[in-house]
Protein backbone atom coordinates (compact mmCIF):
# COMPACT_ATOMS: atom_id res chain seq x y z
CA MET A 1 25.64 54.36 -52.82
CA ASN A 2 26.95 56.36 -55.78
CA LYS A 3 28.72 59.70 -55.58
CA SER A 4 25.75 61.95 -56.42
CA ILE A 5 23.49 60.26 -53.87
CA LEU A 6 26.23 60.28 -51.22
CA LEU A 7 27.14 63.93 -51.57
CA ASN A 8 23.49 64.97 -51.69
CA SER A 9 22.65 62.94 -48.58
CA VAL A 10 25.58 64.23 -46.52
CA ASN A 11 25.86 67.86 -45.44
CA ILE A 12 29.58 68.46 -45.91
CA GLU A 13 29.55 71.20 -43.28
CA THR A 14 28.33 68.77 -40.60
CA MET A 15 31.48 66.73 -41.23
CA ARG A 16 33.61 69.60 -39.90
CA ASN A 17 32.78 71.63 -36.80
CA THR A 18 34.10 75.14 -37.45
CA LYS A 19 33.10 78.49 -38.87
CA GLN A 20 36.30 78.65 -40.90
CA PHE A 21 35.80 78.47 -44.64
CA LEU A 22 36.90 75.43 -46.60
CA LEU A 23 39.82 76.01 -48.96
CA PRO A 24 38.37 77.37 -52.25
CA ASP A 25 38.33 75.23 -55.38
CA LEU A 26 40.48 77.72 -57.30
CA LYS A 27 43.10 80.30 -56.43
CA LYS A 28 41.92 83.87 -56.82
CA ALA A 29 44.35 86.72 -57.34
CA ALA A 30 45.00 88.56 -54.07
CA LYS A 31 44.72 92.32 -53.93
CA ARG A 32 48.19 93.80 -54.11
CA GLN A 33 48.20 95.42 -50.67
CA GLU A 34 46.18 92.79 -48.81
CA TYR A 35 47.18 89.92 -46.53
CA ASP A 36 46.65 86.66 -48.44
CA ILE A 37 45.07 83.89 -46.33
CA TYR A 38 45.71 81.34 -49.11
CA PRO A 39 49.38 81.89 -50.05
CA THR A 40 50.54 79.59 -52.83
CA PHE A 41 53.79 78.57 -54.47
CA ASP A 42 53.75 78.02 -58.23
CA ILE A 43 55.01 74.64 -59.42
CA ALA A 44 55.27 73.12 -62.87
CA GLY A 45 52.51 70.68 -62.00
CA PRO A 46 50.11 69.81 -63.37
CA ILE A 47 47.62 69.70 -60.48
CA TYR A 48 44.40 67.88 -61.30
CA THR A 49 40.98 68.17 -59.68
CA GLY A 50 38.09 65.77 -59.24
CA TYR A 51 37.55 62.03 -58.79
CA LYS A 52 37.07 61.52 -62.51
CA THR A 53 40.62 62.53 -63.37
CA LEU A 54 41.99 60.36 -60.57
CA ALA A 55 39.93 57.32 -61.59
CA ASN A 56 41.06 57.68 -65.21
CA TRP A 57 44.70 57.86 -64.09
CA ILE A 58 44.34 54.82 -61.81
CA VAL A 59 42.94 52.78 -64.70
CA THR A 60 45.96 53.65 -66.86
CA CYS A 61 48.26 52.16 -64.21
CA ASN A 62 46.89 48.77 -65.29
CA HIS A 63 47.79 46.94 -62.08
CA ASP A 64 47.07 46.83 -58.37
CA ILE A 65 46.91 49.98 -56.26
CA VAL A 66 47.78 50.90 -52.66
CA ILE A 67 46.18 54.05 -51.21
CA ASP A 68 47.87 55.01 -47.96
CA GLY A 69 47.21 58.20 -46.06
CA TYR A 70 47.17 60.34 -42.97
CA SER A 71 44.64 60.33 -40.14
CA GLY A 72 41.26 61.98 -40.63
CA VAL A 73 40.55 60.76 -44.19
CA TYR A 74 36.89 60.13 -45.03
CA TRP A 75 37.63 56.78 -46.64
CA ASP A 76 33.97 55.85 -47.20
CA VAL A 77 33.37 59.02 -49.21
CA LEU A 78 36.53 58.49 -51.23
CA ILE A 79 35.57 54.89 -52.08
CA CYS A 80 32.02 55.80 -53.09
CA CYS A 81 33.18 58.66 -55.28
CA LEU A 82 35.85 56.61 -57.02
CA ASN A 83 33.50 53.65 -57.46
CA ASP A 84 31.04 55.93 -59.23
CA GLU A 85 33.76 56.94 -61.69
CA PHE A 86 34.96 53.35 -62.12
CA ALA A 87 31.38 52.28 -62.89
CA ALA A 88 31.22 54.86 -65.68
CA LEU A 89 34.31 53.20 -67.11
CA GLY A 90 32.81 49.73 -66.79
CA ILE A 91 35.25 48.69 -64.03
CA GLN A 92 34.56 47.13 -60.66
CA ALA A 93 37.30 47.57 -58.06
CA ASN A 94 38.08 45.09 -55.32
CA TRP A 95 38.57 47.24 -52.20
CA ILE A 96 40.61 45.79 -49.30
CA ASN A 97 40.67 47.66 -46.00
CA VAL A 98 44.03 47.45 -44.20
CA ASN A 99 42.25 48.21 -40.91
CA LYS A 100 41.21 44.56 -40.66
CA THR A 101 44.87 43.77 -39.93
CA LEU A 102 45.10 46.18 -36.98
CA LYS A 103 45.80 44.70 -33.59
CA PRO A 104 42.79 44.59 -31.22
CA GLU A 105 41.95 47.86 -29.48
CA SER A 106 42.88 46.36 -26.11
CA ILE A 107 46.39 45.58 -27.35
CA ILE A 108 46.78 49.04 -28.91
CA HIS A 109 45.73 50.57 -25.58
CA GLU A 110 48.44 48.55 -23.85
CA ILE A 111 51.02 49.72 -26.39
CA THR A 112 50.09 53.39 -25.97
CA ALA A 113 49.28 53.37 -22.24
CA ASN A 114 52.56 55.01 -21.22
CA TYR A 115 52.14 57.77 -23.80
CA ASP A 116 48.48 58.85 -23.87
CA GLY A 117 48.60 60.67 -20.54
CA GLY A 118 45.83 58.65 -18.91
CA ASP A 119 43.49 60.98 -17.06
CA ASP A 120 45.61 64.04 -17.83
CA PRO A 121 43.27 66.22 -19.94
CA LEU A 122 46.08 67.94 -21.89
CA PHE A 123 49.38 66.11 -21.93
CA GLY A 124 50.93 62.78 -22.84
CA LYS A 125 54.40 61.70 -23.95
CA LEU A 126 55.65 61.44 -27.52
CA TYR A 127 55.46 57.86 -28.74
CA ASN A 128 58.81 56.67 -30.04
CA GLY A 129 57.60 53.61 -31.95
CA GLN A 130 56.46 52.98 -35.52
CA LEU A 131 53.12 52.75 -37.31
CA SER A 132 53.77 49.04 -37.80
CA ASP A 133 53.41 48.60 -34.01
CA PHE A 134 49.65 48.94 -34.48
CA PHE A 135 49.36 46.08 -36.99
CA ASP A 136 49.43 42.29 -36.87
CA VAL A 137 52.36 41.42 -39.13
CA GLU A 138 51.01 37.99 -40.11
CA LYS A 139 47.66 39.45 -41.07
CA LEU A 140 49.39 42.11 -43.14
CA LYS A 141 51.30 39.42 -45.02
CA SER A 142 48.05 37.57 -45.71
CA LEU A 143 46.63 40.47 -47.73
CA LYS A 144 46.90 39.37 -51.34
CA PRO A 145 45.48 40.84 -54.55
CA GLU A 146 42.94 38.72 -56.39
CA PRO A 147 43.84 37.78 -59.98
CA ASN A 148 42.30 39.63 -62.91
CA LYS A 149 40.85 42.43 -60.77
CA LEU A 150 41.61 46.06 -60.00
CA ASN A 151 42.67 45.47 -56.39
CA ILE A 152 42.88 48.55 -54.17
CA LEU A 153 44.37 48.16 -50.70
CA TYR A 154 43.53 51.27 -48.69
CA GLY A 155 43.86 52.92 -45.28
CA ALA A 156 46.52 54.56 -43.11
CA GLY A 157 49.39 52.09 -43.11
CA ALA A 158 48.31 50.22 -46.27
CA ALA A 159 51.83 50.35 -47.70
CA LEU A 160 53.04 48.23 -44.76
CA ALA A 161 51.56 45.20 -46.56
CA GLY A 162 54.49 45.40 -48.95
CA TRP A 163 52.62 45.24 -52.27
CA LYS A 164 54.91 46.13 -55.17
CA CYS A 165 52.51 48.37 -57.09
CA THR A 166 51.36 51.93 -57.69
CA LEU A 167 51.29 53.95 -54.44
CA LEU A 168 48.87 56.81 -53.77
CA TYR A 169 48.96 58.90 -50.62
CA ILE A 170 46.17 61.04 -49.13
CA ASP A 171 47.05 64.09 -47.05
CA VAL A 172 44.64 66.05 -44.84
CA PRO A 173 45.64 69.41 -43.27
CA LYS A 174 45.94 69.38 -39.48
CA ASN A 175 43.35 72.15 -39.08
CA GLU A 176 40.82 70.11 -41.06
CA ILE A 177 41.62 67.02 -38.98
CA GLN A 178 40.76 69.04 -35.88
CA PHE A 179 37.57 70.44 -37.42
CA ARG A 180 36.51 66.87 -38.28
CA SER A 181 37.42 65.72 -34.79
CA ARG A 182 35.23 68.42 -33.25
CA ALA A 183 32.36 67.07 -35.37
CA ASN A 184 32.95 63.61 -33.82
CA ALA A 185 33.43 62.30 -37.34
CA ILE A 186 36.85 60.61 -37.22
CA CYS A 187 38.75 58.17 -35.01
CA ASN A 188 42.28 57.78 -33.73
CA LEU A 189 44.50 55.02 -35.11
CA GLY A 190 43.10 51.62 -34.16
CA GLU A 191 39.96 53.05 -32.56
CA LYS A 192 36.44 52.19 -33.71
CA GLN A 193 34.62 55.10 -32.08
CA PRO A 194 35.43 58.83 -31.95
CA ALA A 195 36.81 60.07 -28.65
CA ASP A 196 36.12 63.41 -27.00
CA PRO A 197 37.84 66.01 -29.24
CA LYS A 198 40.26 67.15 -26.52
CA ASN A 199 41.35 63.60 -25.74
CA GLN A 200 41.47 62.84 -29.44
CA TYR A 201 43.77 65.80 -30.06
CA LYS A 202 46.06 64.66 -27.23
CA ARG A 203 46.26 61.22 -28.86
CA PHE A 204 46.88 62.78 -32.28
CA TYR A 205 49.70 64.98 -30.99
CA PHE A 206 51.57 62.45 -28.88
CA ILE A 207 50.96 59.17 -30.72
CA ASP A 208 49.20 59.22 -34.09
CA TRP A 209 50.94 62.12 -35.79
CA PRO A 210 54.49 61.09 -34.80
CA VAL A 211 54.11 57.57 -36.21
CA LEU A 212 52.27 58.78 -39.31
CA ASN A 213 55.04 61.31 -39.99
CA LYS A 214 57.71 58.61 -39.77
CA HIS A 215 55.65 56.47 -42.14
CA LYS A 216 55.16 59.36 -44.56
CA LYS A 217 58.91 60.05 -44.62
CA GLN A 218 59.56 56.44 -45.62
CA LEU A 219 56.97 56.61 -48.40
CA LEU A 220 57.78 60.02 -49.91
CA PRO A 221 60.42 58.85 -52.41
CA ALA A 222 58.07 56.15 -53.74
CA ILE A 223 54.70 57.94 -53.88
CA ASP A 224 53.24 57.85 -57.41
CA ALA A 225 50.42 60.30 -56.68
CA ILE A 226 49.40 62.50 -53.75
CA ILE A 227 45.83 63.57 -53.00
CA ASP A 228 44.60 66.58 -51.04
CA GLU A 229 41.30 65.35 -49.61
CA GLN A 230 40.18 68.37 -47.56
CA ARG A 231 37.57 69.35 -50.16
CA ILE A 232 35.68 66.09 -49.78
CA ASN A 233 33.61 66.44 -52.93
CA GLU A 234 36.32 67.95 -55.14
CA ILE A 235 39.75 66.54 -54.40
CA SER A 236 42.95 67.81 -55.96
CA TRP A 237 45.96 65.66 -56.75
CA THR A 238 49.25 65.49 -58.56
CA THR A 239 51.89 62.93 -59.40
CA GLY A 240 54.67 62.02 -57.02
CA ASP A 241 57.27 63.39 -59.41
CA ALA A 242 55.43 66.72 -59.69
CA LEU A 243 55.21 66.89 -55.88
CA ARG A 244 58.88 66.12 -55.28
CA ASN A 245 60.04 68.49 -58.05
CA GLY A 246 57.76 71.23 -56.70
CA LEU A 247 59.06 70.80 -53.15
CA LYS A 248 62.64 70.82 -54.41
CA THR A 249 61.98 74.13 -56.16
CA MET A 250 60.29 75.51 -53.06
CA SER A 251 63.33 74.55 -50.97
CA SER A 252 65.46 77.10 -52.83
CA HIS A 253 62.98 80.00 -52.81
CA MET A 254 60.95 82.07 -50.40
CA PHE A 255 57.58 80.58 -49.45
CA ARG A 256 54.76 81.07 -46.97
CA ALA A 257 52.92 78.50 -44.93
CA ARG A 258 49.14 78.58 -45.11
CA PRO A 259 47.98 80.30 -41.90
CA TRP A 260 44.86 79.29 -40.03
CA PHE A 261 42.84 81.14 -37.45
CA GLU A 262 41.05 80.25 -34.24
CA PRO A 263 38.81 82.05 -31.73
CA GLY A 264 39.61 81.89 -28.03
CA VAL A 265 38.25 83.02 -24.70
CA TRP A 266 40.64 86.00 -24.54
CA GLY A 267 40.60 86.71 -28.29
CA GLY A 268 40.36 90.15 -29.86
CA GLN A 269 39.25 92.03 -32.94
CA TRP A 270 42.49 93.05 -34.69
CA ILE A 271 42.57 90.03 -36.98
CA LYS A 272 38.87 90.38 -37.84
CA ASN A 273 39.33 94.07 -38.67
CA ASN A 274 42.60 93.81 -40.60
CA ILE A 275 42.63 90.45 -42.43
CA ASN A 276 40.05 90.00 -45.18
CA GLY A 277 38.65 86.73 -46.46
CA LEU A 278 37.97 85.22 -43.04
CA ASN A 279 34.52 84.42 -41.72
CA LYS A 280 33.53 87.46 -39.66
CA ASP A 281 30.69 85.54 -38.01
CA VAL A 282 32.85 84.55 -35.04
CA VAL A 283 33.10 86.03 -31.58
CA ASN A 284 36.79 86.85 -32.07
CA TYR A 285 40.08 85.58 -33.39
CA ALA A 286 42.58 84.77 -30.67
CA TRP A 287 45.25 83.12 -32.82
CA SER A 288 46.69 83.17 -36.27
CA PHE A 289 48.88 80.10 -36.70
CA GLU A 290 51.27 81.85 -39.04
CA LEU A 291 53.97 79.23 -38.78
CA ILE A 292 53.55 76.28 -36.46
CA ALA A 293 55.26 73.70 -38.61
CA PRO A 294 53.62 70.59 -37.10
CA GLU A 295 50.16 71.96 -37.96
CA ASN A 296 50.53 74.27 -40.96
CA GLY A 297 50.26 73.25 -44.59
CA ILE A 298 51.82 74.62 -47.77
CA LEU A 299 49.72 75.36 -50.84
CA LEU A 300 51.12 74.37 -54.22
CA GLN A 301 49.58 76.01 -57.29
CA SER A 302 49.53 75.08 -60.97
CA GLY A 303 47.26 77.14 -63.18
CA ASN A 304 44.47 78.12 -60.78
CA ASN A 305 44.39 74.72 -59.08
CA MET A 306 45.71 74.33 -55.53
CA LEU A 307 46.95 71.33 -53.58
CA GLU A 308 47.89 71.41 -49.91
CA VAL A 309 50.40 69.15 -48.19
CA SER A 310 51.74 69.41 -44.67
CA LEU A 311 54.60 71.86 -44.20
CA ASP A 312 56.72 69.19 -42.55
CA THR A 313 56.68 67.29 -45.87
CA LEU A 314 59.42 69.68 -46.97
CA LEU A 315 61.62 68.64 -44.09
CA LEU A 316 60.78 64.96 -44.44
CA LEU A 317 61.99 65.17 -48.03
CA ASP A 318 65.14 67.28 -47.49
CA ASN A 319 65.65 68.85 -44.08
CA GLU A 320 69.14 70.19 -44.89
CA ALA A 321 67.84 72.31 -47.78
CA ILE A 322 65.43 74.00 -45.39
CA LEU A 323 67.39 74.13 -42.13
CA GLY A 324 70.98 74.12 -43.34
CA LYS A 325 73.47 73.71 -40.51
CA ALA A 326 70.62 73.54 -37.95
CA ALA A 327 69.41 70.24 -39.46
CA ALA A 328 72.12 68.40 -37.53
CA ARG A 329 70.47 69.43 -34.25
CA PHE A 330 66.78 69.55 -35.16
CA GLY A 331 66.46 66.82 -37.78
CA ASP A 332 62.98 66.90 -39.34
CA ALA A 333 61.61 69.27 -36.67
CA PHE A 334 61.25 72.89 -37.77
CA PRO A 335 62.68 74.81 -34.80
CA ILE A 336 61.03 78.26 -34.91
CA ARG A 337 57.40 79.27 -34.51
CA PHE A 338 55.61 82.52 -35.47
CA ASP A 339 52.00 83.08 -34.42
CA PHE A 340 49.72 85.99 -33.57
CA LEU A 341 48.00 86.49 -30.21
CA ASP A 342 45.19 89.02 -30.64
CA THR A 343 43.81 90.67 -27.49
CA PHE A 344 42.57 93.91 -29.12
CA ASP A 345 39.32 94.66 -27.25
CA GLY A 346 39.67 91.15 -25.85
CA GLY A 347 41.14 90.04 -22.54
CA ASN A 348 44.34 89.06 -20.79
CA LEU A 349 45.84 85.69 -21.63
CA SER A 350 46.03 83.21 -18.77
CA LEU A 351 48.92 83.71 -16.37
CA GLN A 352 51.32 80.95 -17.37
CA CYS A 353 54.81 79.53 -17.71
CA HIS A 354 56.49 76.83 -19.83
CA PRO A 355 58.56 73.76 -18.90
CA SER A 356 62.31 73.56 -18.51
CA VAL A 357 64.33 71.58 -21.05
CA GLU A 358 64.82 68.70 -18.62
CA TYR A 359 61.13 68.70 -17.61
CA ILE A 360 59.81 68.63 -21.17
CA LYS A 361 62.18 65.83 -22.14
CA ASN A 362 61.43 63.67 -19.12
CA ASN A 363 57.68 64.22 -18.98
CA PHE A 364 56.62 64.80 -22.60
CA GLY A 365 59.42 63.42 -24.77
CA GLU A 366 60.15 66.68 -26.62
CA ASP A 367 63.77 67.41 -27.56
CA PHE A 368 63.59 71.15 -26.88
CA THR A 369 61.28 73.40 -24.94
CA GLN A 370 58.86 76.27 -25.42
CA ASP A 371 61.13 79.31 -25.02
CA GLU A 372 59.17 82.32 -26.23
CA THR A 373 59.26 86.04 -26.97
CA TYR A 374 56.50 88.60 -27.46
CA TYR A 375 57.09 91.03 -30.33
CA ILE A 376 54.48 93.80 -30.22
CA LEU A 377 53.12 94.24 -33.74
CA ASP A 378 50.45 96.68 -32.59
CA ALA A 379 49.06 97.94 -29.29
CA LYS A 380 46.51 100.39 -27.98
CA PRO A 381 47.56 103.09 -25.49
CA GLY A 382 47.81 101.60 -22.03
CA ALA A 383 48.46 98.03 -23.20
CA GLU A 384 50.65 95.94 -20.93
CA VAL A 385 52.60 92.71 -20.73
CA TYR A 386 52.78 90.71 -17.49
CA LEU A 387 56.35 89.50 -17.04
CA GLY A 388 58.38 88.25 -14.06
CA PHE A 389 57.70 88.50 -10.36
CA GLN A 390 57.61 91.43 -8.00
CA GLU A 391 60.76 91.75 -5.88
CA ASN A 392 58.96 90.70 -2.69
CA ILE A 393 57.38 87.55 -4.15
CA ASN A 394 56.71 84.77 -1.62
CA LYS A 395 56.50 81.43 -3.39
CA GLN A 396 54.29 79.67 -0.87
CA GLN A 397 51.96 82.61 -0.41
CA PHE A 398 51.57 82.97 -4.18
CA ARG A 399 50.79 79.28 -4.56
CA SER A 400 48.26 79.34 -1.72
CA ILE A 401 46.37 82.28 -3.12
CA LEU A 402 46.22 80.69 -6.60
CA GLU A 403 44.94 77.40 -5.19
CA ASN A 404 42.38 79.21 -3.07
CA SER A 405 41.24 81.17 -6.13
CA PHE A 406 40.75 77.92 -8.05
CA GLU A 407 38.87 76.20 -5.21
CA GLN A 408 36.74 79.16 -4.13
CA ASN A 409 36.40 80.92 -7.50
CA GLU A 410 37.81 84.12 -6.01
CA PRO A 411 39.71 86.77 -8.01
CA VAL A 412 43.41 87.45 -7.44
CA GLU A 413 45.10 90.82 -7.72
CA ILE A 414 47.86 89.46 -9.94
CA LYS A 415 49.81 92.73 -10.04
CA ASP A 416 50.60 92.27 -6.35
CA TYR A 417 52.76 89.32 -7.41
CA VAL A 418 53.66 89.81 -11.08
CA GLN A 419 55.20 92.86 -12.77
CA THR A 420 53.65 94.61 -15.74
CA PHE A 421 55.35 96.68 -18.42
CA PRO A 422 53.94 99.09 -21.01
CA ALA A 423 53.68 97.51 -24.46
CA THR A 424 54.29 99.62 -27.56
CA ARG A 425 54.92 98.77 -31.20
CA HIS A 426 58.21 96.95 -31.89
CA ASP A 427 58.96 96.15 -28.25
CA LEU A 428 60.31 92.65 -27.62
CA PHE A 429 59.73 90.85 -24.32
CA LEU A 430 61.84 87.76 -23.55
CA ILE A 431 60.15 84.69 -22.05
CA PRO A 432 62.61 81.84 -21.48
CA ASN A 433 61.15 78.70 -19.92
CA GLY A 434 60.05 79.04 -16.31
CA THR A 435 59.15 82.73 -16.65
CA VAL A 436 55.74 83.84 -15.37
CA HIS A 437 54.03 85.87 -18.08
CA CYS A 438 51.00 86.72 -20.19
CA SER A 439 49.91 89.33 -22.69
CA GLY A 440 47.47 91.89 -21.40
CA LYS A 441 44.45 93.28 -23.21
CA ASN A 442 44.80 95.40 -26.38
CA ASN A 443 47.98 93.85 -27.77
CA MET A 444 48.60 92.30 -31.15
CA VAL A 445 51.52 90.03 -30.28
CA LEU A 446 53.73 88.36 -32.84
CA GLU A 447 54.90 85.43 -30.75
CA ILE A 448 58.38 84.36 -31.87
CA SER A 449 59.20 81.10 -30.19
CA ALA A 450 60.72 77.68 -30.27
CA THR A 451 58.26 75.40 -32.05
CA PRO A 452 56.74 73.38 -29.14
CA TYR A 453 53.37 75.01 -28.70
CA ILE A 454 50.99 73.15 -26.37
CA PHE A 455 53.03 73.07 -23.16
CA THR A 456 51.45 76.02 -21.39
CA PHE A 457 51.04 75.65 -17.65
CA LYS A 458 48.19 77.95 -16.68
CA MET A 459 48.06 79.02 -13.04
CA TYR A 460 45.39 81.74 -13.18
CA ASP A 461 42.80 82.48 -15.85
CA TRP A 462 40.81 85.38 -14.46
CA LEU A 463 37.96 83.00 -13.43
CA ARG A 464 36.84 82.58 -17.06
CA PRO A 465 35.08 79.58 -18.60
CA ASP A 466 36.02 78.49 -22.12
CA LEU A 467 33.93 79.42 -25.16
CA SER A 468 31.65 76.46 -24.46
CA GLY A 469 31.04 77.59 -20.90
CA ASN A 470 33.23 74.89 -19.32
CA PRO A 471 35.99 75.54 -16.76
CA ARG A 472 39.44 75.92 -18.28
CA THR A 473 42.09 73.49 -17.08
CA LEU A 474 44.76 74.94 -14.77
CA ASN A 475 48.19 73.41 -14.19
CA ILE A 476 49.27 74.95 -10.89
CA ASP A 477 51.30 71.92 -9.78
CA ARG A 478 53.26 71.72 -13.03
CA ALA A 479 53.73 75.49 -13.12
CA PHE A 480 55.34 75.47 -9.67
CA GLU A 481 57.65 72.65 -10.72
CA ASN A 482 59.02 74.98 -13.41
CA LEU A 483 58.65 78.59 -12.25
CA ASN A 484 61.89 80.52 -11.86
CA PHE A 485 61.41 82.77 -8.81
CA GLU A 486 64.79 84.45 -9.37
CA ARG A 487 63.26 86.32 -12.31
CA LYS A 488 61.92 89.12 -10.17
CA GLY A 489 62.38 92.81 -9.51
CA ASP A 490 65.10 94.58 -11.47
CA VAL A 491 66.38 91.28 -12.89
CA VAL A 492 63.33 91.28 -15.16
CA THR A 493 64.05 94.72 -16.59
CA GLU A 494 67.72 93.88 -17.04
CA THR A 495 67.37 90.43 -18.63
CA LEU A 496 63.85 89.98 -20.03
CA ILE A 497 63.29 93.19 -21.97
CA SER A 498 65.20 93.13 -25.23
CA LYS A 499 67.86 95.73 -25.91
CA GLN A 500 67.75 97.02 -29.49
CA THR A 501 71.03 98.13 -31.07
CA THR A 502 72.25 98.83 -34.60
CA LEU A 503 74.34 96.06 -36.17
CA LYS A 504 74.88 97.55 -39.63
CA LYS A 505 73.82 100.71 -41.40
CA GLY A 506 73.73 101.96 -44.99
CA HIS A 507 72.51 105.09 -46.74
CA ASP A 508 68.81 104.12 -46.47
CA TRP A 509 68.82 100.90 -44.48
CA GLU A 510 69.67 99.58 -41.04
CA ILE A 511 69.88 96.17 -39.37
CA ILE A 512 68.80 96.17 -35.73
CA ASN A 513 69.76 93.45 -33.26
CA LEU A 514 67.06 92.61 -30.72
CA SER A 515 68.84 90.84 -27.89
CA THR A 516 67.45 87.49 -26.77
CA HIS A 517 68.02 85.55 -23.57
CA PRO A 518 70.97 83.13 -23.33
CA GLU A 519 68.43 80.27 -23.03
CA HIS A 520 66.91 81.19 -26.41
CA PHE A 521 68.54 79.13 -29.17
CA TYR A 522 67.36 81.65 -31.75
CA ALA A 523 68.38 85.22 -32.52
CA ILE A 524 66.13 88.08 -33.68
CA GLU A 525 67.01 90.98 -35.93
CA ARG A 526 65.02 93.63 -37.80
CA PHE A 527 65.64 95.05 -41.26
CA GLU A 528 64.58 98.69 -41.74
CA PHE A 529 64.89 100.06 -45.27
CA ASP A 530 63.48 102.57 -47.74
CA THR A 531 64.46 100.91 -51.03
CA GLU A 532 66.03 97.45 -50.70
CA ILE A 533 68.39 95.30 -48.71
CA THR A 534 70.23 92.06 -49.51
CA GLU A 535 71.08 89.36 -46.96
CA ASP A 536 72.92 86.04 -46.91
CA THR A 537 71.43 83.02 -45.16
CA ASN A 538 74.85 81.74 -44.04
CA ASN A 539 73.40 78.24 -44.32
CA GLN A 540 70.60 79.03 -41.85
CA CYS A 541 66.84 79.12 -42.35
CA HIS A 542 65.37 82.59 -41.80
CA VAL A 543 61.78 83.18 -40.65
CA LEU A 544 60.54 86.69 -41.31
CA SER A 545 57.48 88.93 -41.10
CA LEU A 546 56.71 92.39 -42.49
CA VAL A 547 55.95 94.26 -39.27
CA GLU A 548 55.73 97.77 -40.73
CA GLY A 549 55.07 98.99 -44.25
CA GLU A 550 52.59 98.12 -46.99
CA SER A 551 54.37 95.45 -49.01
CA ILE A 552 57.75 94.19 -50.14
CA ALA A 553 59.04 92.06 -52.99
CA VAL A 554 61.22 89.11 -51.98
CA ILE A 555 63.69 87.99 -54.63
CA THR A 556 65.22 84.51 -54.28
CA ASN A 557 67.24 82.91 -57.08
CA GLY A 558 65.53 85.04 -59.72
CA ARG A 559 61.96 84.50 -58.49
CA GLU A 560 60.13 87.59 -57.19
CA GLN A 561 57.21 87.18 -54.77
CA VAL A 562 55.12 89.73 -52.90
CA ILE A 563 54.72 89.94 -49.13
CA HIS A 564 52.08 92.11 -47.48
CA TYR A 565 51.93 93.68 -44.05
CA ALA A 566 51.81 91.11 -41.21
CA GLU A 567 52.57 88.13 -43.47
CA THR A 568 55.12 85.58 -42.29
CA PHE A 569 57.52 84.00 -44.77
CA ILE A 570 60.39 81.51 -44.82
CA ILE A 571 63.77 81.72 -46.52
CA PRO A 572 65.30 78.21 -46.68
CA ALA A 573 69.02 77.86 -45.97
CA ALA A 574 69.55 76.65 -49.54
CA VAL A 575 68.54 80.07 -50.90
CA LYS A 576 71.99 81.41 -49.87
CA SER A 577 71.17 85.06 -50.66
CA TYR A 578 67.96 87.08 -50.97
CA THR A 579 66.84 90.65 -51.60
CA LEU A 580 63.97 92.51 -49.96
CA LYS A 581 62.63 95.37 -52.07
CA ASN A 582 60.28 97.96 -50.57
CA THR A 583 57.19 98.32 -52.80
CA GLY A 584 55.25 100.52 -50.38
CA LYS A 585 55.22 104.26 -49.76
CA THR A 586 56.79 104.22 -46.30
CA ARG A 587 59.85 102.60 -44.70
CA ALA A 588 59.60 98.84 -44.46
CA LYS A 589 60.46 96.94 -41.29
CA VAL A 590 60.95 93.17 -41.41
CA ILE A 591 61.59 91.03 -38.33
CA LYS A 592 63.87 88.01 -38.77
CA ALA A 593 64.50 84.99 -36.53
CA PHE A 594 67.10 82.26 -37.03
CA VAL A 595 68.97 79.63 -35.05
CA LYS A 596 72.12 80.94 -33.39
CA ASP A 597 75.25 79.37 -34.86
CA GLU A 598 76.42 78.16 -31.47
CA CYS A 599 73.10 76.32 -31.02
CA CYS A 600 73.38 74.24 -34.18
């Protein structure tokens, strides 16, 4: 089937289950005072588009080709589209699928059995092996190019065959992988049939993505071309040298991750009403994944062409440039997370807690845990945050009433057990692991947290089904294995509500310290300024967001870039010094998080 027939016969939108728009073909100039949902970083490039340009480049290589890639690639579409272009050039390629060297599914299931979580609907344990574990080594060695042909070995793991030839790599953003999963259109590594999307995501998170990231790190120095395949019918690509040079430049300047947005059962209307360019035909937006490094991408731009690669590619290439002194502790894992939780005209989040460091290591294989804070970006009058227990909390009574609520579908008066506090703009609530908490209705929370992001133990969810009408999973047992019942009464006010004090002050600027809990490995400060302020990184990565004001210019090593209200941005450690210049009409306020020196 040639390209035109294939793309006409397949509805691209049925290959992804979401109402979120596909990344546009070309970058359009953002309005000066408007949040940009497609933030880009200019590189020397060039960035090419289309299968024709890629096919022409492959032919010039004049020898065999390996096309490796991430999970979620539509390999059949890629092959058909390239074959159509090869045919126009009078060339017939010999395609060899590396999947035929995979171990049998039964063996792969044995290998992953201790990591996929079994019947657990949400959690597994991080697999500590390699992508090569999934392949039969002897079969890999048997893959040989045929003489006098354009041989193309393809598939995730193709480079494991050891061919000494041109290497292409295909990347797919994590959000698109999930949209394709929800359409039941892709499979996990070594599987022949799509799994239920929730089980598939669990397998992605704990097994597939860790081994694919290790494999990608090994390949990065040798990649000759990288392909962004998310626009199935109009790929973009660039050379390996252009990619590596672009990422090196990015590592010494300010950049933004590409955010992505999701509805949820408790979601609100703030994001819909304040961020343009999103599909408004959704019930709500609960989350903006501003910076969740394992799932965000970064958009490179040359001319008007864009190419997205995973954000963690930066760390896989040079983690010290990004993390500085914190790289010794965190390696290739970006430690800090920023995301939005929107409950404006929505509902309360589930009542929840997060695992202790020991628990997350022993049960899930993570190196550090989900210690959080809630920074209130915006709130309606009367908004609240649920945080810590009432002084008279009785552990067994609380557990019994939650279990009875789950079994009998009966409501619980949560305020009898959990404290609430008024939430106003610029408040910071501290949520170290084990703390009972949730955001109430009518908050726009900037969640500043350690990066782990799926380990939420829900113990009460207000009797709500999910957006599909199915019961939401609760984790009462795990919650009670981690809840800290000493965080109650006045202890909560004294230790879990941040104290804000002035660190430094100038004629029109101030640096505010927002105290964090001793269990938080990160610190939080806020810049407040009328004109400009300059800061040193001190060999630490800074994660920032404009939390008040219209816009600022960020100047790093001579490059000036614009940040709008509510946008999150990253200053790599290698930047050394940067200047924030207020380009709005009112005082600018910028929140900043970074790893504490003693935690490196």
